[in-house]
Amino acid sequence: MALYLIGDIQGCLQPLERLLEAVDFSPSRDTLYPLGDLVNRGPDSLGVLRRLATFEGAARPLLGNHDLHLLAVSAGLRAPRSDDTLAAILQAEDRRRLISWLREQALARLEHGWLMVHAGLLPTWTPQQALALAGEVQSILRGPQWTDFLAHMYGNQPDQWREDLEGWDRLRLVVNALTRLRFCTPEGVMEFKSTDPPDQPPPGHLPWFSVPGRQSANQAVAFGHWSTLSIRQPRRQPVRLQNTLGLDTGCLWGGPLTAARLGARPGDYELIGVSGEKQAHPSR
């Protein structure tokens, strides 16, 4: 049995197929943990969803911001953006099945010694608190109020966690932290505009994993979302910093698609990368 964490796929089916072939993936034996942003911007989001859904329990993805956007567009709550590549999913005969499958996926997992999120964790959150808050969002996405939630999901406020947050504000903040966070202040105020590398933070901000006293610092954390994190690395290798592993190596933007095969001991892994899209997309 092999376990694989996988960085952002974003509709890049051919690199995903190359990766599955490179690791000799078998759904009867192995398990994939894609770290969110399965779809959008790449050329075959429909193919990616269909491929992963066929693996059933052998594929255990997280939801990223692009996946949540697909859910909102599919429900008629948001108009597609000009750079979206979701039309094939929205027009597919198996659209309902794929959307239902996507709604069942998690926003955070703690398995095999790794806490998995798409983007980041606020510095005051313990791993257990992050999982509990993710569970609140997952519960509503899987229930009858899922469209009500998606109608209130968009927005940047509140931008700092408070224990007394309730209702849509509470759920929106949780989603923003788990699926959009890159930089925040030492007090945990989130910033959403910058996509720069971690050594170019906005004034007064730090990468979320570098905040002193972060309550999840003793837990190995794997995440995606931040393609410029690896931009200064040789061959765009994943980045291991402060007990975290950033696996978005920019497959969509011409970098590789990267997986980490987990070892027998917590924190051990082996990296496997395959070439991404042959035509690099313009920078974000």
Protein backbone atom coordinates (compact mmCIF):
# COMPACT_ATOMS: atom_id res chain seq x y z
CA MET A 1 0.00 0.00 0.00
CA ALA A 2 1.31 3.45 -0.95
CA LEU A 3 -0.01 6.86 0.12
CA TYR A 4 0.47 9.96 -2.04
CA LEU A 5 -0.05 13.65 -1.30
CA ILE A 6 -0.51 15.55 -4.57
CA GLY A 7 -0.22 19.27 -5.27
CA ASP A 8 -2.70 21.39 -7.21
CA ILE A 9 -3.93 19.64 -10.38
CA GLN A 10 -6.21 22.44 -11.65
CA GLY A 11 -7.68 20.60 -14.60
CA CYS A 12 -4.36 19.28 -15.91
CA LEU A 13 -5.42 15.73 -16.74
CA GLN A 14 -2.40 14.67 -18.79
CA PRO A 15 0.12 15.45 -16.02
CA LEU A 16 -2.14 13.61 -13.58
CA GLU A 17 -2.14 10.56 -15.86
CA ARG A 18 1.66 10.75 -16.16
CA LEU A 19 1.95 10.88 -12.39
CA LEU A 20 -0.37 7.91 -11.89
CA GLU A 21 1.70 5.96 -14.40
CA ALA A 22 5.00 7.01 -12.83
CA VAL A 23 3.97 5.67 -9.41
CA ASP A 24 2.15 2.63 -10.83
CA PHE A 25 -0.98 3.70 -8.95
CA SER A 26 -3.54 1.01 -8.17
CA PRO A 27 -6.85 2.02 -6.51
CA SER A 28 -7.12 -1.45 -5.00
CA ARG A 29 -3.83 -0.90 -3.17
CA ASP A 30 -2.94 2.79 -2.96
CA THR A 31 -4.52 6.06 -1.82
CA LEU A 32 -4.28 9.57 -3.29
CA TYR A 33 -4.63 12.74 -1.26
CA PRO A 34 -4.92 15.66 -3.73
CA LEU A 35 -4.58 18.86 -1.71
CA GLY A 36 -7.33 20.88 -3.40
CA ASP A 37 -7.86 22.89 -6.58
CA LEU A 38 -8.66 19.83 -8.62
CA VAL A 39 -10.24 22.00 -11.31
CA ASN A 40 -10.13 25.25 -13.25
CA ARG A 41 -7.71 27.17 -15.46
CA GLY A 42 -6.31 23.93 -16.92
CA PRO A 43 -7.53 22.28 -20.14
CA ASP A 44 -9.53 19.29 -18.82
CA SER A 45 -11.22 19.86 -15.48
CA LEU A 46 -14.00 17.46 -16.44
CA GLY A 47 -11.49 14.70 -17.12
CA VAL A 48 -9.76 15.25 -13.78
CA LEU A 49 -13.03 15.01 -11.82
CA ARG A 50 -14.13 11.89 -13.69
CA ARG A 51 -10.75 10.23 -13.19
CA LEU A 52 -10.58 10.89 -9.47
CA ALA A 53 -14.23 10.00 -8.88
CA THR A 54 -13.70 6.56 -10.45
CA PHE A 55 -11.20 5.76 -7.69
CA GLU A 56 -13.93 6.18 -5.04
CA GLY A 57 -12.32 5.75 -1.59
CA ALA A 58 -8.83 5.47 -3.07
CA ALA A 59 -8.94 9.21 -3.88
CA ARG A 60 -9.48 11.45 -0.84
CA PRO A 61 -9.19 15.03 -2.11
CA LEU A 62 -9.47 18.29 -0.27
CA LEU A 63 -11.55 21.19 -1.50
CA GLY A 64 -9.66 24.25 -2.71
CA ASN A 65 -10.90 27.71 -3.60
CA HIS A 66 -11.38 26.76 -7.27
CA ASP A 67 -13.38 23.68 -6.33
CA LEU A 68 -15.68 25.76 -4.12
CA HIS A 69 -16.02 28.25 -6.96
CA LEU A 70 -17.17 25.44 -9.23
CA LEU A 71 -19.84 24.48 -6.69
CA ALA A 72 -21.08 28.08 -6.55
CA VAL A 73 -21.16 28.40 -10.35
CA SER A 74 -22.91 25.04 -10.73
CA ALA A 75 -25.62 26.21 -8.32
CA GLY A 76 -26.17 29.41 -10.33
CA LEU A 77 -24.88 31.59 -7.49
CA ARG A 78 -21.89 33.03 -9.34
CA ALA A 79 -21.23 33.74 -12.98
CA PRO A 80 -18.20 32.01 -14.52
CA ARG A 81 -15.12 34.22 -14.74
CA SER A 82 -13.48 34.94 -18.08
CA ASP A 83 -10.51 32.69 -17.28
CA ASP A 84 -12.57 29.78 -15.89
CA THR A 85 -12.39 26.45 -17.72
CA LEU A 86 -15.46 24.88 -16.13
CA ALA A 87 -17.88 24.85 -19.06
CA ALA A 88 -17.38 21.17 -19.91
CA ILE A 89 -18.29 20.16 -16.35
CA LEU A 90 -21.39 22.38 -16.33
CA GLN A 91 -22.56 20.87 -19.63
CA ALA A 92 -21.68 17.23 -18.86
CA GLU A 93 -24.38 14.59 -18.68
CA ASP A 94 -22.88 13.33 -15.41
CA ARG A 95 -22.67 16.84 -13.93
CA ARG A 96 -24.98 16.04 -10.99
CA ARG A 97 -22.97 13.00 -9.99
CA LEU A 98 -19.67 14.89 -10.14
CA ILE A 99 -20.98 17.88 -8.20
CA SER A 100 -22.42 15.56 -5.55
CA TRP A 101 -19.07 13.76 -5.30
CA LEU A 102 -17.22 17.06 -4.95
CA ARG A 103 -19.55 18.25 -2.17
CA GLU A 104 -18.62 15.20 -0.11
CA GLN A 105 -14.92 16.05 0.02
CA ALA A 106 -13.14 17.50 3.06
CA LEU A 107 -11.51 20.84 3.79
CA ALA A 108 -8.90 19.35 6.12
CA ARG A 109 -7.65 15.90 7.06
CA LEU A 110 -5.32 14.55 9.72
CA GLU A 111 -4.11 11.17 8.50
CA HIS A 112 -0.84 9.22 8.52
CA GLY A 113 0.85 11.85 10.66
CA TRP A 114 0.04 14.77 8.35
CA LEU A 115 -2.46 17.59 8.70
CA MET A 116 -3.60 18.32 5.16
CA VAL A 117 -5.13 21.65 4.09
CA HIS A 118 -5.37 23.43 0.77
CA ALA A 119 -3.93 26.81 1.77
CA GLY A 120 -3.07 27.44 5.40
CA LEU A 121 -3.85 27.63 9.09
CA LEU A 122 -4.34 30.66 11.29
CA PRO A 123 -1.62 30.96 13.94
CA THR A 124 -4.02 30.61 16.89
CA TRP A 125 -5.57 27.37 15.61
CA THR A 126 -4.43 24.05 16.99
CA PRO A 127 -4.66 21.10 14.60
CA GLN A 128 -7.71 19.84 16.49
CA GLN A 129 -9.44 23.21 16.25
CA ALA A 130 -8.70 23.47 12.52
CA LEU A 131 -10.23 20.02 11.96
CA ALA A 132 -13.30 20.89 14.01
CA LEU A 133 -13.86 24.15 12.13
CA ALA A 134 -13.34 22.43 8.78
CA GLY A 135 -15.95 19.91 9.90
CA GLU A 136 -18.48 22.70 10.44
CA VAL A 137 -18.12 23.77 6.80
CA GLN A 138 -18.07 20.19 5.52
CA SER A 139 -21.30 19.42 7.35
CA ILE A 140 -23.19 22.27 5.75
CA LEU A 141 -21.74 21.58 2.27
CA ARG A 142 -23.02 18.01 2.52
CA GLY A 143 -26.46 19.07 3.78
CA PRO A 144 -29.56 20.83 2.45
CA GLN A 145 -28.22 24.35 3.20
CA TRP A 146 -25.20 24.03 0.93
CA THR A 147 -26.43 26.60 -1.58
CA ASP A 148 -27.29 29.07 1.20
CA PHE A 149 -23.74 28.80 2.45
CA LEU A 150 -22.22 29.26 -1.02
CA ALA A 151 -24.36 32.37 -1.54
CA HIS A 152 -22.67 33.89 1.55
CA MET A 153 -19.18 32.43 1.04
CA TYR A 154 -17.54 35.21 -0.97
CA GLY A 155 -15.86 38.17 0.74
CA ASN A 156 -12.75 39.04 2.76
CA GLN A 157 -14.41 39.88 6.06
CA PRO A 158 -14.01 39.00 8.83
CA ASP A 159 -10.26 38.70 8.32
CA GLN A 160 -9.26 37.65 11.86
CA TRP A 161 -10.46 34.73 13.97
CA ARG A 162 -12.58 35.36 17.04
CA GLU A 163 -14.11 32.67 19.21
CA ASP A 164 -17.46 34.45 19.22
CA LEU A 165 -17.89 34.46 15.44
CA GLU A 166 -21.18 32.90 14.36
CA GLY A 167 -23.21 32.09 11.27
CA TRP A 168 -22.01 32.91 7.77
CA ASP A 169 -19.19 35.15 9.07
CA ARG A 170 -17.70 32.24 10.99
CA LEU A 171 -17.94 29.82 8.06
CA ARG A 172 -16.61 32.38 5.58
CA LEU A 173 -13.54 33.03 7.71
CA VAL A 174 -12.86 29.30 8.05
CA VAL A 175 -13.10 28.79 4.29
CA ASN A 176 -10.86 31.79 3.59
CA ALA A 177 -8.18 30.54 5.96
CA LEU A 178 -8.22 26.94 4.74
CA THR A 179 -8.48 27.70 1.01
CA ARG A 180 -7.03 31.19 0.39
CA LEU A 181 -4.47 32.07 3.08
CA ARG A 182 -0.86 32.88 2.25
CA PHE A 183 0.15 35.85 4.38
CA CYS A 184 -1.13 37.15 7.70
CA THR A 185 0.03 39.48 10.47
CA PRO A 186 1.53 38.05 13.66
CA GLU A 187 -1.93 38.59 15.18
CA GLY A 188 -3.55 36.48 12.47
CA VAL A 189 -5.12 39.19 10.28
CA MET A 190 -5.30 37.65 6.81
CA GLU A 191 -4.18 39.28 3.55
CA PHE A 192 -5.60 37.98 0.27
CA LYS A 193 -4.15 40.15 -2.52
CA SER A 194 -0.54 39.02 -2.64
CA THR A 195 0.53 35.85 -4.48
CA ASP A 196 4.25 36.70 -4.17
CA PRO A 197 6.90 34.27 -2.89
CA PRO A 198 7.23 34.03 0.90
CA ASP A 199 10.33 36.23 0.96
CA GLN A 200 8.28 39.13 -0.46
CA PRO A 201 5.50 39.56 2.11
CA PRO A 202 3.26 42.62 2.24
CA PRO A 203 4.42 45.10 4.88
CA GLY A 204 3.62 43.89 8.38
CA HIS A 205 2.80 40.36 7.24
CA LEU A 206 4.46 36.94 7.31
CA PRO A 207 3.85 33.65 5.54
CA TRP A 208 1.27 31.90 7.71
CA PHE A 209 3.72 29.11 8.57
CA SER A 210 6.37 31.59 9.79
CA VAL A 211 4.28 33.32 12.46
CA PRO A 212 6.07 32.97 15.82
CA GLY A 213 4.13 30.84 18.28
CA ARG A 214 1.94 29.18 15.65
CA GLN A 215 -0.19 26.66 17.53
CA SER A 216 0.18 24.01 14.80
CA ALA A 217 3.98 24.25 14.70
CA ASN A 218 4.52 20.77 16.18
CA GLN A 219 2.29 19.13 13.58
CA ALA A 220 3.54 18.26 10.07
CA VAL A 221 1.31 20.16 7.65
CA ALA A 222 0.98 19.56 3.89
CA PHE A 223 -0.65 22.19 1.69
CA GLY A 224 -0.98 23.44 -1.88
CA HIS A 225 -2.36 26.74 -3.25
CA TRP A 226 0.89 28.74 -3.31
CA SER A 227 2.52 28.10 -6.68
CA THR A 228 5.08 30.90 -6.29
CA LEU A 229 6.35 29.24 -3.10
CA SER A 230 8.55 26.97 -5.21
CA ILE A 231 9.48 29.48 -7.90
CA ARG A 232 13.04 29.99 -6.60
CA GLN A 233 13.67 26.27 -6.05
CA PRO A 234 15.75 24.20 -8.53
CA ARG A 235 13.28 22.53 -10.93
CA ARG A 236 10.48 24.00 -8.79
CA GLN A 237 10.87 21.50 -5.98
CA PRO A 238 8.33 21.47 -3.14
CA VAL A 239 9.23 23.63 -0.17
CA ARG A 240 9.71 22.29 3.37
CA LEU A 241 9.68 25.11 5.93
CA GLN A 242 8.72 25.24 9.60
CA ASN A 243 7.38 21.68 9.64
CA THR A 244 5.25 22.24 6.53
CA LEU A 245 5.43 20.86 3.00
CA GLY A 246 4.18 23.07 0.15
CA LEU A 247 3.32 20.83 -2.81
CA ASP A 248 1.92 23.28 -5.37
CA THR A 249 4.83 23.33 -7.81
CA GLY A 250 2.96 25.21 -10.53
CA CYS A 251 1.82 22.41 -12.83
CA LEU A 252 -0.67 24.83 -14.41
CA TRP A 253 2.03 27.42 -15.01
CA GLY A 254 4.58 25.13 -16.68
CA GLY A 255 6.09 23.59 -13.54
CA PRO A 256 5.85 19.90 -12.58
CA LEU A 257 2.97 18.10 -10.92
CA THR A 258 4.42 16.76 -7.69
CA ALA A 259 3.45 14.00 -5.28
CA ALA A 260 4.94 12.99 -1.95
CA ARG A 261 4.92 9.25 -1.27
CA LEU A 262 4.57 8.95 2.49
CA GLY A 263 7.05 6.82 4.38
CA ALA A 264 6.48 4.40 7.22
CA ARG A 265 7.53 6.94 9.86
CA PRO A 266 5.57 10.20 10.42
CA GLY A 267 7.12 13.04 8.45
CA ASP A 268 9.05 10.81 6.03
CA TYR A 269 8.31 11.11 2.33
CA GLU A 270 9.76 10.67 -1.14
CA LEU A 271 9.05 13.21 -3.88
CA ILE A 272 7.89 12.23 -7.37
CA GLY A 273 7.45 14.84 -10.07
CA VAL A 274 6.27 14.70 -13.67
CA SER A 275 6.21 17.40 -16.33
CA GLY A 276 3.26 19.76 -16.17
CA GLU A 277 1.42 21.47 -18.98
CA LYS A 278 3.71 21.75 -22.00
CA GLN A 279 2.59 25.30 -22.69
CA ALA A 280 3.18 27.41 -19.59
CA HIS A 281 0.27 29.65 -18.80
CA PRO A 282 0.80 33.37 -18.23
CA SER A 283 1.68 34.34 -14.71
CA ARG A 284 -1.04 35.12 -12.23
